[in-house]
C-alpha atoms as a PDB file:
ATOM      1  CA  UNK A   1     -34.009 -38.552 -40.087  1.00  0.00           C
ATOM      2  CA  UNK A   2     -35.788 -36.199 -42.467  1.00  0.00           C
ATOM      3  CA  UNK A   3     -38.064 -37.637 -45.134  1.00  0.00           C
ATOM      4  CA  UNK A   4     -37.878 -35.443 -48.215  1.00  0.00           C
ATOM      5  CA  UNK A   5     -41.409 -34.872 -49.523  1.00  0.00           C
ATOM      6  CA  UNK A   6     -41.833 -34.088 -53.212  1.00  0.00           C
ATOM      7  CA  UNK A   7     -45.331 -32.793 -54.004  1.00  0.00           C
ATOM      8  CA  UNK A   8     -46.728 -33.031 -57.520  1.00  0.00           C
ATOM      9  CA  UNK A   9     -46.715 -29.645 -59.275  1.00  0.00           C
ATOM     10  CA  UNK A  10     -50.302 -30.282 -60.346  1.00  0.00           C
ATOM     11  CA  UNK A  11     -52.919 -33.012 -60.064  1.00  0.00           C
ATOM     12  CA  UNK A  12     -52.372 -34.111 -63.652  1.00  0.00           C
ATOM     13  CA  UNK A  13     -48.561 -34.392 -63.431  1.00  0.00           C
ATOM     14  CA  UNK A  14     -47.440 -37.716 -64.889  1.00  0.00           C
ATOM     15  CA  UNK A  15     -45.301 -39.377 -62.224  1.00  0.00           C
ATOM     16  CA  UNK A  16     -43.186 -41.346 -64.699  1.00  0.00           C
ATOM     17  CA  UNK A  17     -42.412 -38.288 -66.800  1.00  0.00           C
ATOM     18  CA  UNK A  18     -41.601 -36.331 -63.645  1.00  0.00           C
ATOM     19  CA  UNK A  19     -39.145 -38.989 -62.470  1.00  0.00           C
ATOM     20  CA  UNK A  20     -37.567 -39.129 -65.902  1.00  0.00           C
ATOM     21  CA  UNK A  21     -37.045 -35.367 -65.908  1.00  0.00           C
ATOM     22  CA  UNK A  22     -35.799 -35.075 -62.312  1.00  0.00           C
ATOM     23  CA  UNK A  23     -34.220 -38.488 -61.786  1.00  0.00           C
ATOM     24  CA  UNK A  24     -30.684 -37.292 -61.036  1.00  0.00           C
ATOM     25  CA  UNK A  25     -31.891 -34.823 -58.408  1.00  0.00           C
ATOM     26  CA  UNK A  26     -34.221 -37.369 -56.843  1.00  0.00           C
ATOM     27  CA  UNK A  27     -31.446 -39.948 -56.613  1.00  0.00           C
ATOM     28  CA  UNK A  28     -29.147 -37.368 -55.032  1.00  0.00           C
ATOM     29  CA  UNK A  29     -31.808 -36.559 -52.430  1.00  0.00           C
ATOM     30  CA  UNK A  30     -32.301 -40.256 -51.732  1.00  0.00           C
ATOM     31  CA  UNK A  31     -28.581 -40.771 -51.127  1.00  0.00           C
ATOM     32  CA  UNK A  32     -28.377 -37.726 -48.842  1.00  0.00           C
ATOM     33  CA  UNK A  33     -31.594 -38.209 -46.855  1.00  0.00           C
ATOM     34  CA  UNK A  34     -32.288 -41.936 -47.116  1.00  0.00           C
ATOM     35  CA  UNK A  35     -35.934 -41.585 -48.163  1.00  0.00           C
ATOM     36  CA  UNK A  36     -38.034 -39.618 -50.645  1.00  0.00           C
ATOM     37  CA  UNK A  37     -41.841 -39.389 -50.499  1.00  0.00           C
ATOM     38  CA  UNK A  38     -43.696 -38.669 -53.744  1.00  0.00           C
ATOM     39  CA  UNK A  39     -47.118 -37.211 -52.890  1.00  0.00           C
ATOM     40  CA  UNK A  40     -50.018 -35.980 -54.982  1.00  0.00           C
ATOM     41  CA  UNK A  41     -49.032 -37.813 -58.164  1.00  0.00           C
ATOM     42  CA  UNK A  42     -51.665 -39.898 -59.915  1.00  0.00           C
ATOM     43  CA  UNK A  43     -49.958 -43.284 -59.705  1.00  0.00           C
ATOM     44  CA  UNK A  44     -53.354 -44.909 -59.875  1.00  0.00           C
ATOM     45  CA  UNK A  45     -52.563 -48.618 -59.972  1.00  0.00           C
ATOM     46  CA  UNK A  46     -50.070 -51.371 -59.281  1.00  0.00           C
ATOM     47  CA  UNK A  47     -49.005 -51.121 -62.923  1.00  0.00           C
ATOM     48  CA  UNK A  48     -48.324 -47.425 -62.371  1.00  0.00           C
ATOM     49  CA  UNK A  49     -46.291 -48.303 -59.295  1.00  0.00           C
ATOM     50  CA  UNK A  50     -44.310 -50.877 -61.259  1.00  0.00           C
ATOM     51  CA  UNK A  51     -43.610 -48.093 -63.730  1.00  0.00           C
ATOM     52  CA  UNK A  52     -42.254 -45.896 -60.933  1.00  0.00           C
ATOM     53  CA  UNK A  53     -39.730 -48.597 -60.035  1.00  0.00           C
ATOM     54  CA  UNK A  54     -38.616 -48.940 -63.650  1.00  0.00           C
ATOM     55  CA  UNK A  55     -38.371 -45.167 -64.143  1.00  0.00           C
ATOM     56  CA  UNK A  56     -36.354 -44.546 -60.984  1.00  0.00           C
ATOM     57  CA  UNK A  57     -34.154 -47.665 -60.871  1.00  0.00           C
ATOM     58  CA  UNK A  58     -33.976 -48.288 -64.591  1.00  0.00           C
ATOM     59  CA  UNK A  59     -34.723 -51.998 -64.111  1.00  0.00           C
ATOM     60  CA  UNK A  60     -37.747 -54.194 -63.306  1.00  0.00           C
ATOM     61  CA  UNK A  61     -38.524 -54.973 -59.651  1.00  0.00           C
ATOM     62  CA  UNK A  62     -36.682 -57.879 -58.040  1.00  0.00           C
ATOM     63  CA  UNK A  63     -38.217 -61.195 -57.057  1.00  0.00           C
ATOM     64  CA  UNK A  64     -38.616 -61.586 -53.301  1.00  0.00           C
ATOM     65  CA  UNK A  65     -36.232 -64.467 -52.554  1.00  0.00           C
ATOM     66  CA  UNK A  66     -35.289 -66.270 -49.309  1.00  0.00           C
ATOM     67  CA  UNK A  67     -38.406 -64.924 -47.615  1.00  0.00           C
ATOM     68  CA  UNK A  68     -38.600 -64.386 -43.876  1.00  0.00           C
ATOM     69  CA  UNK A  69     -42.175 -63.119 -43.588  1.00  0.00           C
ATOM     70  CA  UNK A  70     -45.544 -63.888 -45.148  1.00  0.00           C
ATOM     71  CA  UNK A  71     -46.370 -61.764 -48.197  1.00  0.00           C
ATOM     72  CA  UNK A  72     -48.808 -62.097 -51.066  1.00  0.00           C
ATOM     73  CA  UNK A  73     -48.006 -61.348 -54.686  1.00  0.00           C
ATOM     74  CA  UNK A  74     -50.196 -58.567 -56.037  1.00  0.00           C
ATOM     75  CA  UNK A  75     -48.867 -58.633 -59.578  1.00  0.00           C
ATOM     76  CA  UNK A  76     -45.517 -59.542 -61.090  1.00  0.00           C
ATOM     77  CA  UNK A  77     -42.817 -58.602 -58.576  1.00  0.00           C
ATOM     78  CA  UNK A  78     -45.067 -56.266 -56.589  1.00  0.00           C
ATOM     79  CA  UNK A  79     -46.018 -57.669 -53.202  1.00  0.00           C
ATOM     80  CA  UNK A  80     -48.129 -56.828 -50.189  1.00  0.00           C
ATOM     81  CA  UNK A  81     -46.262 -55.498 -47.193  1.00  0.00           C
ATOM     82  CA  UNK A  82     -45.810 -58.145 -44.491  1.00  0.00           C
ATOM     83  CA  UNK A  83     -49.083 -59.928 -43.750  1.00  0.00           C
ATOM     84  CA  UNK A  84     -48.901 -59.740 -39.949  1.00  0.00           C
ATOM     85  CA  UNK A  85     -51.949 -59.123 -37.730  1.00  0.00           C
ATOM     86  CA  UNK A  86     -52.818 -55.399 -37.656  1.00  0.00           C
ATOM     87  CA  UNK A  87     -52.444 -55.116 -33.875  1.00  0.00           C
ATOM     88  CA  UNK A  88     -48.752 -56.119 -34.019  1.00  0.00           C
ATOM     89  CA  UNK A  89     -45.790 -53.790 -34.485  1.00  0.00           C
ATOM     90  CA  UNK A  90     -43.145 -54.766 -37.033  1.00  0.00           C
ATOM     91  CA  UNK A  91     -39.837 -53.571 -35.635  1.00  0.00           C
ATOM     92  CA  UNK A  92     -37.412 -51.460 -37.664  1.00  0.00           C
ATOM     93  CA  UNK A  93     -35.137 -53.408 -40.000  1.00  0.00           C
ATOM     94  CA  UNK A  94     -33.282 -53.242 -43.323  1.00  0.00           C
ATOM     95  CA  UNK A  95     -34.754 -55.456 -46.010  1.00  0.00           C
ATOM     96  CA  UNK A  96     -32.924 -58.764 -46.498  1.00  0.00           C
ATOM     97  CA  UNK A  97     -29.864 -57.652 -44.489  1.00  0.00           C
ATOM     98  CA  UNK A  98     -29.602 -61.271 -43.293  1.00  0.00           C
ATOM     99  CA  UNK A  99     -28.849 -62.389 -46.841  1.00  0.00           C
ATOM    100  CA  UNK A 100     -25.609 -62.474 -48.807  1.00  0.00           C
ATOM    101  CA  UNK A 101     -27.097 -59.858 -51.164  1.00  0.00           C
ATOM    102  CA  UNK A 102     -29.984 -57.443 -50.727  1.00  0.00           C
ATOM    103  CA  UNK A 103     -31.984 -54.816 -52.611  1.00  0.00           C
ATOM    104  CA  UNK A 104     -30.382 -51.380 -52.529  1.00  0.00           C
ATOM    105  CA  UNK A 105     -33.665 -49.544 -53.137  1.00  0.00           C
ATOM    106  CA  UNK A 106     -37.127 -50.189 -51.695  1.00  0.00           C
ATOM    107  CA  UNK A 107     -40.472 -48.869 -52.891  1.00  0.00           C
ATOM    108  CA  UNK A 108     -43.737 -48.590 -50.954  1.00  0.00           C
ATOM    109  CA  UNK A 109     -47.067 -47.604 -52.529  1.00  0.00           C
ATOM    110  CA  UNK A 110     -50.186 -46.666 -50.572  1.00  0.00           C
ATOM    111  CA  UNK A 111     -53.196 -48.301 -52.194  1.00  0.00           C
ATOM    112  CA  UNK A 112     -55.381 -47.762 -49.121  1.00  0.00           C
ATOM    113  CA  UNK A 113     -54.318 -45.939 -45.927  1.00  0.00           C
ATOM    114  CA  UNK A 114     -55.265 -47.177 -42.471  1.00  0.00           C
ATOM    115  CA  UNK A 115     -58.023 -45.552 -40.468  1.00  0.00           C
ATOM    116  CA  UNK A 116     -55.657 -45.043 -37.537  1.00  0.00           C
ATOM    117  CA  UNK A 117     -51.870 -45.231 -37.285  1.00  0.00           C
ATOM    118  CA  UNK A 118     -50.310 -47.757 -39.698  1.00  0.00           C
ATOM    119  CA  UNK A 119     -47.294 -45.612 -40.532  1.00  0.00           C
ATOM    120  CA  UNK A 120     -44.112 -47.040 -42.014  1.00  0.00           C
ATOM    121  CA  UNK A 121     -41.605 -45.553 -39.536  1.00  0.00           C
ATOM    122  CA  UNK A 122     -38.068 -44.992 -40.754  1.00  0.00           C
ATOM    123  CA  UNK A 123     -34.738 -44.752 -38.921  1.00  0.00           C
ATOM    124  CA  UNK A 124     -31.491 -43.399 -40.323  1.00  0.00           C
ATOM    125  CA  UNK A 125     -29.051 -46.243 -39.659  1.00  0.00           C
ATOM    126  CA  UNK A 126     -26.156 -43.793 -39.625  1.00  0.00           C
ATOM    127  CA  UNK A 127     -27.828 -42.261 -36.580  1.00  0.00           C
ATOM    128  CA  UNK A 128     -28.564 -45.711 -35.154  1.00  0.00           C
ATOM    129  CA  UNK A 129     -24.858 -46.523 -35.360  1.00  0.00           C
ATOM    130  CA  UNK A 130     -23.945 -43.218 -33.690  1.00  0.00           C
ATOM    131  CA  UNK A 131     -26.325 -44.038 -30.834  1.00  0.00           C
ATOM    132  CA  UNK A 132     -24.799 -47.456 -30.083  1.00  0.00           C
ATOM    133  CA  UNK A 133     -22.323 -47.724 -27.224  1.00  0.00           C
ATOM    134  CA  UNK A 134     -18.826 -47.998 -28.784  1.00  0.00           C
ATOM    135  CA  UNK A 135     -18.068 -51.130 -26.750  1.00  0.00           C
ATOM    136  CA  UNK A 136     -21.219 -52.858 -28.043  1.00  0.00           C
ATOM    137  CA  UNK A 137     -20.451 -51.813 -31.600  1.00  0.00           C
ATOM    138  CA  UNK A 138     -16.872 -53.105 -31.275  1.00  0.00           C
ATOM    139  CA  UNK A 139     -18.153 -56.458 -29.978  1.00  0.00           C
ATOM    140  CA  UNK A 140     -20.351 -56.911 -33.042  1.00  0.00           C
ATOM    141  CA  UNK A 141     -17.617 -55.759 -35.391  1.00  0.00           C
ATOM    142  CA  UNK A 142     -15.253 -58.309 -33.857  1.00  0.00           C
ATOM    143  CA  UNK A 143     -17.654 -61.237 -33.597  1.00  0.00           C
ATOM    144  CA  UNK A 144     -20.244 -60.519 -36.288  1.00  0.00           C
ATOM    145  CA  UNK A 145     -23.792 -61.788 -35.839  1.00  0.00           C
ATOM    146  CA  UNK A 146     -25.410 -65.137 -36.490  1.00  0.00           C
ATOM    147  CA  UNK A 147     -28.949 -65.777 -37.672  1.00  0.00           C
ATOM    148  CA  UNK A 148     -30.585 -69.160 -37.081  1.00  0.00           C
ATOM    149  CA  UNK A 149     -33.839 -69.929 -38.862  1.00  0.00           C
ATOM    150  CA  UNK A 150     -35.917 -73.037 -38.213  1.00  0.00           C
ATOM    151  CA  UNK A 151     -38.514 -74.015 -40.792  1.00  0.00           C
ATOM    152  CA  UNK A 152     -40.944 -76.307 -39.017  1.00  0.00           C
ATOM    153  CA  UNK A 153     -43.204 -78.629 -40.965  1.00  0.00           C
ATOM    154  CA  UNK A 154     -46.385 -77.219 -39.432  1.00  0.00           C
ATOM    155  CA  UNK A 155     -45.456 -73.747 -38.187  1.00  0.00           C
ATOM    156  CA  UNK A 156     -44.671 -70.471 -39.929  1.00  0.00           C
ATOM    157  CA  UNK A 157     -43.381 -69.968 -43.468  1.00  0.00           C
ATOM    158  CA  UNK A 158     -42.334 -73.396 -44.849  1.00  0.00           C
ATOM    159  CA  UNK A 159     -38.930 -73.839 -46.463  1.00  0.00           C
ATOM    160  CA  UNK A 160     -40.625 -74.791 -49.718  1.00  0.00           C
ATOM    161  CA  UNK A 161     -42.103 -71.289 -49.892  1.00  0.00           C
ATOM    162  CA  UNK A 162     -38.956 -69.529 -48.711  1.00  0.00           C
ATOM    163  CA  UNK A 163     -36.773 -71.176 -51.338  1.00  0.00           C
ATOM    164  CA  UNK A 164     -39.512 -71.591 -53.986  1.00  0.00           C
ATOM    165  CA  UNK A 165     -38.789 -75.301 -54.478  1.00  0.00           C
ATOM    166  CA  UNK A 166     -39.554 -78.708 -52.974  1.00  0.00           C
ATOM    167  CA  UNK A 167     -36.178 -80.096 -54.075  1.00  0.00           C
ATOM    168  CA  UNK A 168     -33.844 -80.481 -51.091  1.00  0.00           C
ATOM    169  CA  UNK A 169     -30.791 -80.708 -53.313  1.00  0.00           C
ATOM    170  CA  UNK A 170     -31.716 -77.395 -54.938  1.00  0.00           C
ATOM    171  CA  UNK A 171     -32.086 -75.798 -51.502  1.00  0.00           C
ATOM    172  CA  UNK A 172     -28.670 -77.092 -50.422  1.00  0.00           C
ATOM    173  CA  UNK A 173     -27.042 -75.795 -53.602  1.00  0.00           C
ATOM    174  CA  UNK A 174     -28.638 -72.388 -53.155  1.00  0.00           C
ATOM    175  CA  UNK A 175     -27.567 -72.199 -49.515  1.00  0.00           C
ATOM    176  CA  UNK A 176     -23.966 -73.142 -50.290  1.00  0.00           C
ATOM    177  CA  UNK A 177     -23.814 -70.261 -52.731  1.00  0.00           C
ATOM    178  CA  UNK A 178     -25.211 -67.816 -50.161  1.00  0.00           C
ATOM    179  CA  UNK A 179     -23.077 -68.751 -47.155  1.00  0.00           C
ATOM    180  CA  UNK A 180     -25.862 -70.673 -45.390  1.00  0.00           C
ATOM    181  CA  UNK A 181     -25.339 -73.903 -43.479  1.00  0.00           C
ATOM    182  CA  UNK A 182     -28.215 -76.388 -43.682  1.00  0.00           C
ATOM    183  CA  UNK A 183     -29.498 -79.071 -41.333  1.00  0.00           C
ATOM    184  CA  UNK A 184     -32.538 -81.149 -42.194  1.00  0.00           C
ATOM    185  CA  UNK A 185     -34.702 -81.560 -39.131  1.00  0.00           C
ATOM    186  CA  UNK A 186     -36.153 -84.994 -38.237  1.00  0.00           C
ATOM    187  CA  UNK A 187     -39.681 -83.565 -38.556  1.00  0.00           C
ATOM    188  CA  UNK A 188     -39.123 -82.722 -42.236  1.00  0.00           C
ATOM    189  CA  UNK A 189     -38.246 -79.132 -41.535  1.00  0.00           C
ATOM    190  CA  UNK A 190     -35.006 -77.273 -42.109  1.00  0.00           C
ATOM    191  CA  UNK A 191     -32.549 -75.241 -40.032  1.00  0.00           C
ATOM    192  CA  UNK A 192     -30.299 -72.680 -41.715  1.00  0.00           C
ATOM    193  CA  UNK A 193     -27.455 -70.779 -40.089  1.00  0.00           C
ATOM    194  CA  UNK A 194     -25.509 -67.820 -41.448  1.00  0.00           C
ATOM    195  CA  UNK A 195     -22.876 -65.489 -40.027  1.00  0.00           C
ATOM    196  CA  UNK A 196     -22.961 -61.928 -41.347  1.00  0.00           C
ATOM    197  CA  UNK A 197     -21.325 -58.562 -40.749  1.00  0.00           C
ATOM    198  CA  UNK A 198     -23.165 -56.106 -38.488  1.00  0.00           C
ATOM    199  CA  UNK A 199     -21.525 -52.937 -39.797  1.00  0.00           C
ATOM    200  CA  UNK A 200     -21.219 -52.125 -43.494  1.00  0.00           C
ATOM    201  CA  UNK A 201     -19.950 -49.346 -45.737  1.00  0.00           C
ATOM    202  CA  UNK A 202     -22.441 -47.581 -47.976  1.00  0.00           C
ATOM    203  CA  UNK A 203     -21.288 -48.206 -51.560  1.00  0.00           C
ATOM    204  CA  UNK A 204     -21.992 -44.649 -52.765  1.00  0.00           C
ATOM    205  CA  UNK A 205     -21.346 -42.352 -49.810  1.00  0.00           C
ATOM    206  CA  UNK A 206     -18.625 -44.417 -48.098  1.00  0.00           C
ATOM    207  CA  UNK A 207     -20.413 -43.899 -44.777  1.00  0.00           C
ATOM    208  CA  UNK A 208     -20.419 -46.562 -42.072  1.00  0.00           C
ATOM    209  CA  UNK A 209     -23.894 -47.961 -41.358  1.00  0.00           C
ATOM    210  CA  UNK A 210     -25.498 -50.350 -38.880  1.00  0.00           C
ATOM    211  CA  UNK A 211     -26.960 -52.812 -41.387  1.00  0.00           C
ATOM    212  CA  UNK A 212     -28.183 -56.160 -40.035  1.00  0.00           C
ATOM    213  CA  UNK A 213     -31.145 -58.158 -38.729  1.00  0.00           C
ATOM    214  CA  UNK A 214     -29.570 -58.910 -35.343  1.00  0.00           C
ATOM    215  CA  UNK A 215     -32.189 -56.875 -33.469  1.00  0.00           C
ATOM    216  CA  UNK A 216     -35.202 -57.638 -35.645  1.00  0.00           C
ATOM    217  CA  UNK A 217     -34.745 -61.420 -35.595  1.00  0.00           C
ATOM    218  CA  UNK A 218     -33.900 -61.650 -31.885  1.00  0.00           C
ATOM    219  CA  UNK A 219     -36.659 -63.302 -29.892  1.00  0.00           C
ATOM    220  CA  UNK A 220     -36.805 -60.446 -27.361  1.00  0.00           C
ATOM    221  CA  UNK A 221     -37.859 -58.006 -30.099  1.00  0.00           C
ATOM    222  CA  UNK A 222     -41.210 -59.781 -30.333  1.00  0.00           C
ATOM    223  CA  UNK A 223     -44.221 -58.639 -28.340  1.00  0.00           C
ATOM    224  CA  UNK A 224     -44.054 -60.159 -24.831  1.00  0.00           C
ATOM    225  CA  UNK A 225     -47.094 -62.404 -25.354  1.00  0.00           C
ATOM    226  CA  UNK A 226     -45.784 -63.669 -28.698  1.00  0.00           C
ATOM    227  CA  UNK A 227     -42.327 -64.236 -27.233  1.00  0.00           C
ATOM    228  CA  UNK A 228     -43.785 -66.144 -24.296  1.00  0.00           C
ATOM    229  CA  UNK A 229     -45.988 -68.252 -26.551  1.00  0.00           C
ATOM    230  CA  UNK A 230     -43.098 -69.237 -28.815  1.00  0.00           C
ATOM    231  CA  UNK A 231     -40.874 -70.154 -25.889  1.00  0.00           C
ATOM    232  CA  UNK A 232     -43.617 -72.400 -24.524  1.00  0.00           C
ATOM    233  CA  UNK A 233     -43.564 -74.304 -27.824  1.00  0.00           C
ATOM    234  CA  UNK A 234     -39.855 -74.243 -28.727  1.00  0.00           C
ATOM    235  CA  UNK A 235     -36.441 -74.334 -27.131  1.00  0.00           C
ATOM    236  CA  UNK A 236     -34.431 -71.236 -28.074  1.00  0.00           C
ATOM    237  CA  UNK A 237     -32.364 -73.191 -30.599  1.00  0.00           C
ATOM    238  CA  UNK A 238     -35.590 -74.269 -32.335  1.00  0.00           C
ATOM    239  CA  UNK A 239     -37.286 -70.864 -32.521  1.00  0.00           C
ATOM    240  CA  UNK A 240     -38.395 -69.838 -36.022  1.00  0.00           C
ATOM    241  CA  UNK A 241     -35.773 -67.072 -35.939  1.00  0.00           C
ATOM    242  CA  UNK A 242     -33.203 -65.988 -33.392  1.00  0.00           C
ATOM    243  CA  UNK A 243     -29.851 -64.234 -33.414  1.00  0.00           C
ATOM    244  CA  UNK A 244     -26.523 -64.633 -31.634  1.00  0.00           C
ATOM    245  CA  UNK A 245     -23.038 -63.251 -31.856  1.00  0.00           C
ATOM    246  CA  UNK A 246     -21.259 -64.659 -34.876  1.00  0.00           C
ATOM    247  CA  UNK A 247     -19.420 -67.262 -32.818  1.00  0.00           C
ATOM    248  CA  UNK A 248     -22.708 -68.545 -31.378  1.00  0.00           C
ATOM    249  CA  UNK A 249     -22.546 -66.649 -28.095  1.00  0.00           C
ATOM    250  CA  UNK A 250     -25.788 -65.418 -26.567  1.00  0.00           C
ATOM    251  CA  UNK A 251     -26.452 -61.705 -26.981  1.00  0.00           C
ATOM    252  CA  UNK A 252     -27.395 -60.337 -23.516  1.00  0.00           C
ATOM    253  CA  UNK A 253     -30.897 -58.931 -23.089  1.00  0.00           C
ATOM    254  CA  UNK A 254     -29.556 -55.545 -21.958  1.00  0.00           C
ATOM    255  CA  UNK A 255     -27.584 -55.280 -25.202  1.00  0.00           C
ATOM    256  CA  UNK A 256     -30.744 -55.955 -27.175  1.00  0.00           C
ATOM    257  CA  UNK A 257     -32.622 -53.342 -25.122  1.00  0.00           C
ATOM    258  CA  UNK A 258     -29.870 -50.855 -25.936  1.00  0.00           C
ATOM    259  CA  UNK A 259     -30.019 -51.624 -29.671  1.00  0.00           C
ATOM    260  CA  UNK A 260     -33.795 -51.266 -29.809  1.00  0.00           C
ATOM    261  CA  UNK A 261     -33.525 -47.930 -28.011  1.00  0.00           C
ATOM    262  CA  UNK A 262     -30.973 -46.736 -30.589  1.00  0.00           C
ATOM    263  CA  UNK A 263     -33.376 -47.552 -33.421  1.00  0.00           C
ATOM    264  CA  UNK A 264     -36.303 -45.827 -31.745  1.00  0.00           C
ATOM    265  CA  UNK A 265     -34.252 -42.717 -30.964  1.00  0.00           C
ATOM    266  CA  UNK A 266     -33.370 -42.386 -34.646  1.00  0.00           C
ATOM    267  CA  UNK A 267     -36.877 -43.024 -36.002  1.00  0.00           C
ATOM    268  CA  UNK A 268     -39.474 -40.774 -37.577  1.00  0.00           C
ATOM    269  CA  UNK A 269     -42.951 -41.302 -39.022  1.00  0.00           C
ATOM    270  CA  UNK A 270     -45.561 -39.859 -41.370  1.00  0.00           C
ATOM    271  CA  UNK A 271     -49.191 -40.691 -42.105  1.00  0.00           C
ATOM    272  CA  UNK A 272     -49.879 -42.385 -45.410  1.00  0.00           C
ATOM    273  CA  UNK A 273     -52.135 -40.803 -48.028  1.00  0.00           C
ATOM    274  CA  UNK A 274     -53.629 -42.680 -50.954  1.00  0.00           C
ATOM    275  CA  UNK A 275     -51.261 -42.885 -53.968  1.00  0.00           C
ATOM    276  CA  UNK A 276     -48.170 -41.959 -51.914  1.00  0.00           C
ATOM    277  CA  UNK A 277     -44.945 -43.562 -53.123  1.00  0.00           C
ATOM    278  CA  UNK A 278     -42.065 -43.862 -50.642  1.00  0.00           C
ATOM    279  CA  UNK A 279     -38.611 -44.612 -52.045  1.00  0.00           C
ATOM    280  CA  UNK A 280     -36.035 -45.812 -49.494  1.00  0.00           C
ATOM    281  CA  UNK A 281     -32.295 -46.336 -49.695  1.00  0.00           C
ATOM    282  CA  UNK A 282     -32.150 -49.713 -47.958  1.00  0.00           C
ATOM    283  CA  UNK A 283     -28.575 -49.127 -46.772  1.00  0.00           C
ATOM    284  CA  UNK A 284     -29.388 -45.763 -45.183  1.00  0.00           C
ATOM    285  CA  UNK A 285     -32.822 -46.255 -43.649  1.00  0.00           C
ATOM    286  CA  UNK A 286     -34.487 -49.031 -41.676  1.00  0.00           C
ATOM    287  CA  UNK A 287     -38.255 -49.366 -41.905  1.00  0.00           C
ATOM    288  CA  UNK A 288     -41.015 -50.943 -39.819  1.00  0.00           C
ATOM    289  CA  UNK A 289     -44.783 -50.854 -39.349  1.00  0.00           C
ATOM    290  CA  UNK A 290     -47.044 -49.420 -36.680  1.00  0.00           C
ATOM    291  CA  UNK A 291     -50.126 -51.309 -35.518  1.00  0.00           C
ATOM    292  CA  UNK A 292     -53.248 -50.052 -37.278  1.00  0.00           C
ATOM    293  CA  UNK A 293     -57.002 -50.225 -37.687  1.00  0.00           C
ATOM    294  CA  UNK A 294     -58.903 -50.259 -40.948  1.00  0.00           C
ATOM    295  CA  UNK A 295     -58.183 -51.635 -44.415  1.00  0.00           C
ATOM    296  CA  UNK A 296     -54.533 -50.522 -44.810  1.00  0.00           C
ATOM    297  CA  UNK A 297     -52.957 -51.869 -48.021  1.00  0.00           C
ATOM    298  CA  UNK A 298     -49.365 -51.001 -48.887  1.00  0.00           C
ATOM    299  CA  UNK A 299     -47.659 -52.503 -51.926  1.00  0.00           C
ATOM    300  CA  UNK A 300     -43.916 -53.157 -51.857  1.00  0.00           C
ATOM    301  CA  UNK A 301     -41.258 -53.600 -54.529  1.00  0.00           C
ATOM    302  CA  UNK A 302     -37.477 -53.952 -54.439  1.00  0.00           C
ATOM    303  CA  UNK A 303     -34.766 -53.087 -56.950  1.00  0.00           C
ATOM    304  CA  UNK A 304     -31.032 -52.685 -57.553  1.00  0.00           C
ATOM    305  CA  UNK A 305     -29.384 -55.769 -56.002  1.00  0.00           C
ATOM    306  CA  UNK A 306     -26.228 -55.170 -53.971  1.00  0.00           C
ATOM    307  CA  UNK A 307     -24.369 -57.930 -55.781  1.00  0.00           C
END
């Protein structure tokens, strides 16, 4: 995919005024290309970044609900990017595509770039879909995909944090409304199961897109040492996250290899610069994270819910 870079006309160009003046064109570029990079504007702060979200989307940022990864709140509804160890890759994915609803637009803001690597790679999921074997695509379209999440009492993100409550009844009510089945584990943890579509239609362009977490959440997408360590602790059905076909069937490893290859073939990267703002159409582009060295700090916000 091609990331459209918009460079500030001058160092003193106000980013919010620029977006207000060129908003229609910027939104058109986002829908065509999937991502727009604003570079050279003096965003200056998290408050300035929050203002970018409001100027472009016309609404405040969304709250990060039903979390699947550790994040820290910077201010309001602006969060750190996923707090994983810097030597680990975060595989390409579409934000919250495992949920019943998701943010349509994502925002990333570079507070501090890494010393080495640390890019946020992107992949056009129209191209990902085109690179998937038609028989594999048809299998997912027919069967859907299933995500199983296990919240263990002493491992990973607890359910109390994911659902922002300690009330089991409130969790069950929320899950019923979102198409999630719940099972309370004997150890005090929780298992949730959901069946979702793998292929969606973009609501603006009408294009067909490969929009799901089936690859990202599958245990074989983890680094080999992490995968091995988890499987020493848990049976597959008890892993923190894992995916299956929608009817519960195991997805073969060679199918997962093929899907990961399709993402990588469609991916591109750029090096962050301080004060960069990346705007992503979440239903056109998957994103990830390279390993990095140094103090990398990227803020994230989400807007425009799908439903």
